[in-house]
Amino acid sequence: MLTILNYGVGNLASIANMLKRIGVEARISARDEDVITASKIILPGVGAFDTCASQLQASGLISALTRKVIDEKTPVLGVCVGMQLLLEGSEEGSQKGLGWIKGKNIRFIKSEMPDTYKVPHMGWADVTPAKQSRLVEGIKEPRFYFVHSYHARLSDSNDAVLTATYGYTFAAAVERNNILGVQFHPEKSHQFGMKLLSNFVKNY
């Protein structure tokens, strides 16, 4: 069964409700055994990077999560700060990320943006495929809902699967083998989010 990781942060119920709408059974859990037996995992995250990283560390779930994702190659999808946690760290704080995707999260660079652009970036934005991916299969003219002040700066641009533009272009989604992440909120993105989550469940 798909497990939505409950480590004290994130839109858990919203993600579960969106999955229910597309006919996918999921459990919200903070138990090692539910991680170990998961067919797929969603790693949510809302708020500050250090808060989420500290909460994940305090949950005691990292060992089981690493076993599933790294050793057993179970598909994982990080959402919003959950995607940022897949990287090595963030300018937002001092805590370490999981380091499964090489790179660091940086604050939007105001000097590279028009003065009229505000941070955080909030609202709908079009996304552009950076490479072919089963995650966005069948999604025509994809656009998703974003709320963030930081974004991924990837060490390897090949890890980007989607890009978006807000003042300048940034990685909006990542994919390396069984490890995937989206900076936006699929659970708030209507039919686009439903299709993306359906693709994650069916294609990985």
C-alpha atoms as a PDB file:
ATOM      1  CA  MET A   1       0.000   0.000   0.000  1.00  0.00           C
ATOM      2  CA  LEU A   2       1.097   3.567  -0.662  1.00  0.00           C
ATOM      3  CA  THR A   3       2.249   5.235   2.566  1.00  0.00           C
ATOM      4  CA  ILE A   4       2.137   8.984   3.199  1.00  0.00           C
ATOM      5  CA  LEU A   5       4.860   9.624   5.732  1.00  0.00           C
ATOM      6  CA  ASN A   6       3.586  11.360   8.874  1.00  0.00           C
ATOM      7  CA  TYR A   7       6.503  13.013  10.616  1.00  0.00           C
ATOM      8  CA  GLY A   8       4.560  15.978  11.942  1.00  0.00           C
ATOM      9  CA  VAL A   9       4.470  18.303   8.916  1.00  0.00           C
ATOM     10  CA  GLY A  10       2.715  18.511   5.571  1.00  0.00           C
ATOM     11  CA  ASN A  11      -0.682  18.453   3.932  1.00  0.00           C
ATOM     12  CA  LEU A  12      -1.298  14.812   4.814  1.00  0.00           C
ATOM     13  CA  ALA A  13      -5.090  14.804   4.633  1.00  0.00           C
ATOM     14  CA  SER A  14      -5.138  16.863   1.427  1.00  0.00           C
ATOM     15  CA  ILE A  15      -2.804  14.418  -0.302  1.00  0.00           C
ATOM     16  CA  ALA A  16      -4.781  11.432   0.971  1.00  0.00           C
ATOM     17  CA  ASN A  17      -8.036  12.987  -0.214  1.00  0.00           C
ATOM     18  CA  MET A  18      -6.637  13.650  -3.688  1.00  0.00           C
ATOM     19  CA  LEU A  19      -5.450  10.035  -3.904  1.00  0.00           C
ATOM     20  CA  LYS A  20      -8.894   8.856  -2.796  1.00  0.00           C
ATOM     21  CA  ARG A  21     -10.484  10.900  -5.596  1.00  0.00           C
ATOM     22  CA  ILE A  22      -8.443   8.967  -8.153  1.00  0.00           C
ATOM     23  CA  GLY A  23      -9.261   5.631  -6.532  1.00  0.00           C
ATOM     24  CA  VAL A  24      -5.935   5.019  -4.799  1.00  0.00           C
ATOM     25  CA  GLU A  25      -5.897   3.577  -1.293  1.00  0.00           C
ATOM     26  CA  ALA A  26      -3.259   5.154   0.934  1.00  0.00           C
ATOM     27  CA  ARG A  27      -2.392   5.206   4.606  1.00  0.00           C
ATOM     28  CA  ILE A  28      -0.971   8.062   6.641  1.00  0.00           C
ATOM     29  CA  SER A  29       1.539   6.581   9.045  1.00  0.00           C
ATOM     30  CA  ALA A  30       4.437   7.312  11.367  1.00  0.00           C
ATOM     31  CA  ARG A  31       5.243   3.626  11.937  1.00  0.00           C
ATOM     32  CA  ASP A  32       8.394   1.883  10.733  1.00  0.00           C
ATOM     33  CA  GLU A  33       6.433  -1.223   9.778  1.00  0.00           C
ATOM     34  CA  ASP A  34       4.187   0.759   7.433  1.00  0.00           C
ATOM     35  CA  VAL A  35       7.229   2.262   5.745  1.00  0.00           C
ATOM     36  CA  ILE A  36       8.912  -1.130   5.440  1.00  0.00           C
ATOM     37  CA  THR A  37       5.816  -2.700   3.829  1.00  0.00           C
ATOM     38  CA  ALA A  38       4.971   0.282   1.596  1.00  0.00           C
ATOM     39  CA  SER A  39       4.625  -0.212  -2.143  1.00  0.00           C
ATOM     40  CA  LYS A  40       5.298   3.502  -2.684  1.00  0.00           C
ATOM     41  CA  ILE A  41       6.020   6.442  -0.378  1.00  0.00           C
ATOM     42  CA  ILE A  42       5.037  10.096  -0.418  1.00  0.00           C
ATOM     43  CA  LEU A  43       7.227  12.448   1.630  1.00  0.00           C
ATOM     44  CA  PRO A  44       5.279  15.679   2.288  1.00  0.00           C
ATOM     45  CA  GLY A  45       6.602  18.908   3.737  1.00  0.00           C
ATOM     46  CA  VAL A  46       5.302  22.401   4.505  1.00  0.00           C
ATOM     47  CA  GLY A  47       7.062  25.313   6.189  1.00  0.00           C
ATOM     48  CA  ALA A  48      10.731  25.897   6.926  1.00  0.00           C
ATOM     49  CA  PHE A  49      13.400  23.453   5.763  1.00  0.00           C
ATOM     50  CA  ASP A  50      15.093  23.115   9.163  1.00  0.00           C
ATOM     51  CA  THR A  51      11.778  22.433  10.902  1.00  0.00           C
ATOM     52  CA  CYS A  52      10.935  19.655   8.446  1.00  0.00           C
ATOM     53  CA  ALA A  53      14.458  18.190   8.541  1.00  0.00           C
ATOM     54  CA  SER A  54      14.484  18.209  12.354  1.00  0.00           C
ATOM     55  CA  GLN A  55      11.017  16.657  12.544  1.00  0.00           C
ATOM     56  CA  LEU A  56      12.016  13.920  10.108  1.00  0.00           C
ATOM     57  CA  GLN A  57      15.142  13.174  12.139  1.00  0.00           C
ATOM     58  CA  ALA A  58      13.161  13.125  15.393  1.00  0.00           C
ATOM     59  CA  SER A  59      10.572  10.758  13.903  1.00  0.00           C
ATOM     60  CA  GLY A  60      13.082   7.901  13.823  1.00  0.00           C
ATOM     61  CA  LEU A  61      11.846   6.960  10.345  1.00  0.00           C
ATOM     62  CA  ILE A  62      14.973   7.792   8.348  1.00  0.00           C
ATOM     63  CA  SER A  63      16.515   4.337   8.746  1.00  0.00           C
ATOM     64  CA  ALA A  64      13.399   2.543   7.455  1.00  0.00           C
ATOM     65  CA  LEU A  65      12.942   5.171   4.749  1.00  0.00           C
ATOM     66  CA  THR A  66      16.538   4.771   3.562  1.00  0.00           C
ATOM     67  CA  ARG A  67      16.232   0.997   3.517  1.00  0.00           C
ATOM     68  CA  LYS A  68      13.123   1.186   1.348  1.00  0.00           C
ATOM     69  CA  VAL A  69      14.235   3.920  -1.029  1.00  0.00           C
ATOM     70  CA  ILE A  70      17.971   3.301  -1.407  1.00  0.00           C
ATOM     71  CA  ASP A  71      18.326  -0.429  -0.783  1.00  0.00           C
ATOM     72  CA  GLU A  72      14.997  -1.726  -2.090  1.00  0.00           C
ATOM     73  CA  LYS A  73      14.455   0.994  -4.740  1.00  0.00           C
ATOM     74  CA  THR A  74      10.882   1.682  -3.618  1.00  0.00           C
ATOM     75  CA  PRO A  75       9.468   4.721  -5.476  1.00  0.00           C
ATOM     76  CA  VAL A  76       9.286   7.891  -3.353  1.00  0.00           C
ATOM     77  CA  LEU A  77       7.713  11.242  -4.210  1.00  0.00           C
ATOM     78  CA  GLY A  78       8.732  14.320  -2.229  1.00  0.00           C
ATOM     79  CA  VAL A  79       6.200  17.176  -2.242  1.00  0.00           C
ATOM     80  CA  CYS A  80       7.149  20.851  -1.699  1.00  0.00           C
ATOM     81  CA  VAL A  81       9.623  20.872   1.228  1.00  0.00           C
ATOM     82  CA  GLY A  82       9.502  17.086   0.897  1.00  0.00           C
ATOM     83  CA  MET A  83      11.252  17.537  -2.443  1.00  0.00           C
ATOM     84  CA  GLN A  84      13.746  19.947  -0.882  1.00  0.00           C
ATOM     85  CA  LEU A  85      14.570  17.309   1.756  1.00  0.00           C
ATOM     86  CA  LEU A  86      15.728  14.987  -1.018  1.00  0.00           C
ATOM     87  CA  LEU A  87      18.673  17.341  -1.607  1.00  0.00           C
ATOM     88  CA  GLU A  88      21.758  17.867   0.548  1.00  0.00           C
ATOM     89  CA  GLY A  89      20.640  20.993   2.379  1.00  0.00           C
ATOM     90  CA  SER A  90      19.185  24.484   2.093  1.00  0.00           C
ATOM     91  CA  GLU A  91      20.175  28.113   2.456  1.00  0.00           C
ATOM     92  CA  GLU A  92      17.098  28.377   4.674  1.00  0.00           C
ATOM     93  CA  GLY A  93      18.862  26.672   7.557  1.00  0.00           C
ATOM     94  CA  SER A  94      21.706  24.498   8.776  1.00  0.00           C
ATOM     95  CA  GLN A  95      20.108  21.051   8.880  1.00  0.00           C
ATOM     96  CA  LYS A  96      21.163  18.395   6.392  1.00  0.00           C
ATOM     97  CA  GLY A  97      18.823  16.942   3.824  1.00  0.00           C
ATOM     98  CA  LEU A  98      18.695  13.280   2.842  1.00  0.00           C
ATOM     99  CA  GLY A  99      21.258  13.850   0.065  1.00  0.00           C
ATOM    100  CA  TRP A 100      19.615  11.449  -2.387  1.00  0.00           C
ATOM    101  CA  ILE A 101      19.610  14.140  -5.075  1.00  0.00           C
ATOM    102  CA  LYS A 102      22.824  16.150  -5.283  1.00  0.00           C
ATOM    103  CA  GLY A 103      22.374  19.877  -4.879  1.00  0.00           C
ATOM    104  CA  LYS A 104      21.163  22.529  -2.467  1.00  0.00           C
ATOM    105  CA  ASN A 105      18.022  24.622  -2.075  1.00  0.00           C
ATOM    106  CA  ILE A 106      18.522  28.356  -2.534  1.00  0.00           C
ATOM    107  CA  ARG A 107      16.324  31.391  -1.977  1.00  0.00           C
ATOM    108  CA  PHE A 108      15.019  33.081  -5.108  1.00  0.00           C
ATOM    109  CA  ILE A 109      17.745  35.484  -6.250  1.00  0.00           C
ATOM    110  CA  LYS A 110      16.070  38.901  -6.294  1.00  0.00           C
ATOM    111  CA  SER A 111      18.909  40.492  -8.264  1.00  0.00           C
ATOM    112  CA  GLU A 112      18.138  38.137 -11.147  1.00  0.00           C
ATOM    113  CA  MET A 113      14.407  38.950 -11.121  1.00  0.00           C
ATOM    114  CA  PRO A 114      12.382  41.979 -12.214  1.00  0.00           C
ATOM    115  CA  ASP A 115      11.554  44.328  -9.342  1.00  0.00           C
ATOM    116  CA  THR A 116       7.859  43.541  -9.677  1.00  0.00           C
ATOM    117  CA  TYR A 117       8.391  39.886  -8.724  1.00  0.00           C
ATOM    118  CA  LYS A 118       7.688  39.120  -5.084  1.00  0.00           C
ATOM    119  CA  VAL A 119       9.015  36.314  -2.907  1.00  0.00           C
ATOM    120  CA  PRO A 120       7.489  33.911  -2.016  1.00  0.00           C
ATOM    121  CA  HIS A 121       6.378  32.671  -5.401  1.00  0.00           C
ATOM    122  CA  MET A 122       2.678  31.930  -4.980  1.00  0.00           C
ATOM    123  CA  GLY A 123       0.107  30.796  -7.512  1.00  0.00           C
ATOM    124  CA  TRP A 124      -0.269  28.823 -10.710  1.00  0.00           C
ATOM    125  CA  ALA A 125       2.646  28.436 -13.095  1.00  0.00           C
ATOM    126  CA  ASP A 126       3.215  26.587 -16.337  1.00  0.00           C
ATOM    127  CA  VAL A 127       5.886  23.898 -16.286  1.00  0.00           C
ATOM    128  CA  THR A 128       8.085  22.659 -19.106  1.00  0.00           C
ATOM    129  CA  PRO A 129       9.440  19.106 -19.444  1.00  0.00           C
ATOM    130  CA  ALA A 130      13.215  18.993 -19.056  1.00  0.00           C
ATOM    131  CA  LYS A 131      13.369  15.335 -20.059  1.00  0.00           C
ATOM    132  CA  GLN A 132      10.984  12.534 -20.901  1.00  0.00           C
ATOM    133  CA  SER A 133       9.325  11.138 -17.797  1.00  0.00           C
ATOM    134  CA  ARG A 134       6.480   8.812 -16.924  1.00  0.00           C
ATOM    135  CA  LEU A 135       5.566  11.268 -14.149  1.00  0.00           C
ATOM    136  CA  VAL A 136       4.018  13.747 -16.601  1.00  0.00           C
ATOM    137  CA  GLU A 137       2.835  11.260 -19.193  1.00  0.00           C
ATOM    138  CA  GLY A 138      -0.430  12.358 -20.807  1.00  0.00           C
ATOM    139  CA  ILE A 139      -0.567  15.776 -19.120  1.00  0.00           C
ATOM    140  CA  LYS A 140      -1.279  18.406 -21.780  1.00  0.00           C
ATOM    141  CA  GLU A 141      -0.114  21.974 -21.131  1.00  0.00           C
ATOM    142  CA  PRO A 142       0.743  21.171 -17.503  1.00  0.00           C
ATOM    143  CA  ARG A 143       0.466  23.857 -14.837  1.00  0.00           C
ATOM    144  CA  PHE A 144       0.645  23.506 -11.091  1.00  0.00           C
ATOM    145  CA  TYR A 145       0.141  25.495  -7.893  1.00  0.00           C
ATOM    146  CA  PHE A 146       3.297  26.767  -6.158  1.00  0.00           C
ATOM    147  CA  VAL A 147       3.975  28.326  -2.738  1.00  0.00           C
ATOM    148  CA  HIS A 148       7.710  28.661  -2.019  1.00  0.00           C
ATOM    149  CA  SER A 149      10.599  31.028  -1.408  1.00  0.00           C
ATOM    150  CA  TYR A 150      13.363  28.479  -2.081  1.00  0.00           C
ATOM    151  CA  HIS A 151      14.038  26.195  -5.008  1.00  0.00           C
ATOM    152  CA  ALA A 152      16.474  23.453  -5.925  1.00  0.00           C
ATOM    153  CA  ARG A 153      19.854  24.235  -7.441  1.00  0.00           C
ATOM    154  CA  LEU A 154      20.864  20.838  -8.798  1.00  0.00           C
ATOM    155  CA  SER A 155      24.439  19.632  -9.138  1.00  0.00           C
ATOM    156  CA  ASP A 156      23.366  17.558 -12.154  1.00  0.00           C
ATOM    157  CA  SER A 157      20.861  19.268 -14.456  1.00  0.00           C
ATOM    158  CA  ASN A 158      19.862  15.824 -15.748  1.00  0.00           C
ATOM    159  CA  ASP A 159      18.019  15.314 -12.448  1.00  0.00           C
ATOM    160  CA  ALA A 160      15.479  17.987 -13.457  1.00  0.00           C
ATOM    161  CA  VAL A 161      12.310  16.555 -14.982  1.00  0.00           C
ATOM    162  CA  LEU A 162      10.261  19.779 -15.050  1.00  0.00           C
ATOM    163  CA  THR A 163      11.220  23.447 -15.002  1.00  0.00           C
ATOM    164  CA  ALA A 164       9.170  26.560 -14.281  1.00  0.00           C
ATOM    165  CA  THR A 165       9.924  30.238 -14.713  1.00  0.00           C
ATOM    166  CA  TYR A 166       9.469  32.941 -12.100  1.00  0.00           C
ATOM    167  CA  GLY A 167      11.847  35.750 -12.938  1.00  0.00           C
ATOM    168  CA  TYR A 168      14.205  33.030 -14.131  1.00  0.00           C
ATOM    169  CA  THR A 169      13.982  29.311 -14.798  1.00  0.00           C
ATOM    170  CA  PHE A 170      14.311  26.818 -11.929  1.00  0.00           C
ATOM    171  CA  ALA A 171      13.821  23.072 -11.365  1.00  0.00           C
ATOM    172  CA  ALA A 172      10.167  22.416 -10.558  1.00  0.00           C
ATOM    173  CA  ALA A 173      10.471  18.616 -10.330  1.00  0.00           C
ATOM    174  CA  VAL A 174      13.293  16.110 -10.025  1.00  0.00           C
ATOM    175  CA  GLU A 175      13.713  12.466 -10.892  1.00  0.00           C
ATOM    176  CA  ARG A 176      16.627  10.098 -10.397  1.00  0.00           C
ATOM    177  CA  ASN A 177      15.685   6.444 -10.831  1.00  0.00           C
ATOM    178  CA  ASN A 178      13.055   5.705  -8.134  1.00  0.00           C
ATOM    179  CA  ILE A 179      13.483   9.076  -6.383  1.00  0.00           C
ATOM    180  CA  LEU A 180      11.115  11.838  -7.483  1.00  0.00           C
ATOM    181  CA  GLY A 181      10.138  15.230  -6.138  1.00  0.00           C
ATOM    182  CA  VAL A 182       7.883  18.155  -7.046  1.00  0.00           C
ATOM    183  CA  GLN A 183       8.282  21.695  -5.734  1.00  0.00           C
ATOM    184  CA  PHE A 184       4.613  22.458  -6.373  1.00  0.00           C
ATOM    185  CA  HIS A 185       1.506  21.096  -4.646  1.00  0.00           C
ATOM    186  CA  PRO A 186      -0.215  18.400  -6.737  1.00  0.00           C
ATOM    187  CA  GLU A 187      -2.918  18.140  -4.067  1.00  0.00           C
ATOM    188  CA  LYS A 188      -3.876  21.768  -4.855  1.00  0.00           C
ATOM    189  CA  SER A 189      -3.473  21.520  -8.619  1.00  0.00           C
ATOM    190  CA  HIS A 190      -6.842  20.089  -9.657  1.00  0.00           C
ATOM    191  CA  GLN A 191      -6.811  17.809 -12.721  1.00  0.00           C
ATOM    192  CA  PHE A 192      -3.094  18.346 -13.336  1.00  0.00           C
ATOM    193  CA  GLY A 193      -2.237  17.174  -9.830  1.00  0.00           C
ATOM    194  CA  MET A 194      -4.637  14.251 -10.048  1.00  0.00           C
ATOM    195  CA  LYS A 195      -3.013  13.039 -13.258  1.00  0.00           C
ATOM    196  CA  LEU A 196       0.511  13.461 -11.875  1.00  0.00           C
ATOM    197  CA  LEU A 197      -0.320  11.476  -8.733  1.00  0.00           C
ATOM    198  CA  SER A 198      -2.041   8.843 -10.868  1.00  0.00           C
ATOM    199  CA  ASN A 199       1.107   8.589 -12.994  1.00  0.00           C
ATOM    200  CA  PHE A 200       3.259   8.158  -9.895  1.00  0.00           C
ATOM    201  CA  VAL A 201       1.055   5.349  -8.631  1.00  0.00           C
ATOM    202  CA  LYS A 202       0.648   3.551 -11.967  1.00  0.00           C
ATOM    203  CA  ASN A 203       3.966   4.129 -13.702  1.00  0.00           C
ATOM    204  CA  TYR A 204       6.520   3.494 -10.943  1.00  0.00           C
END
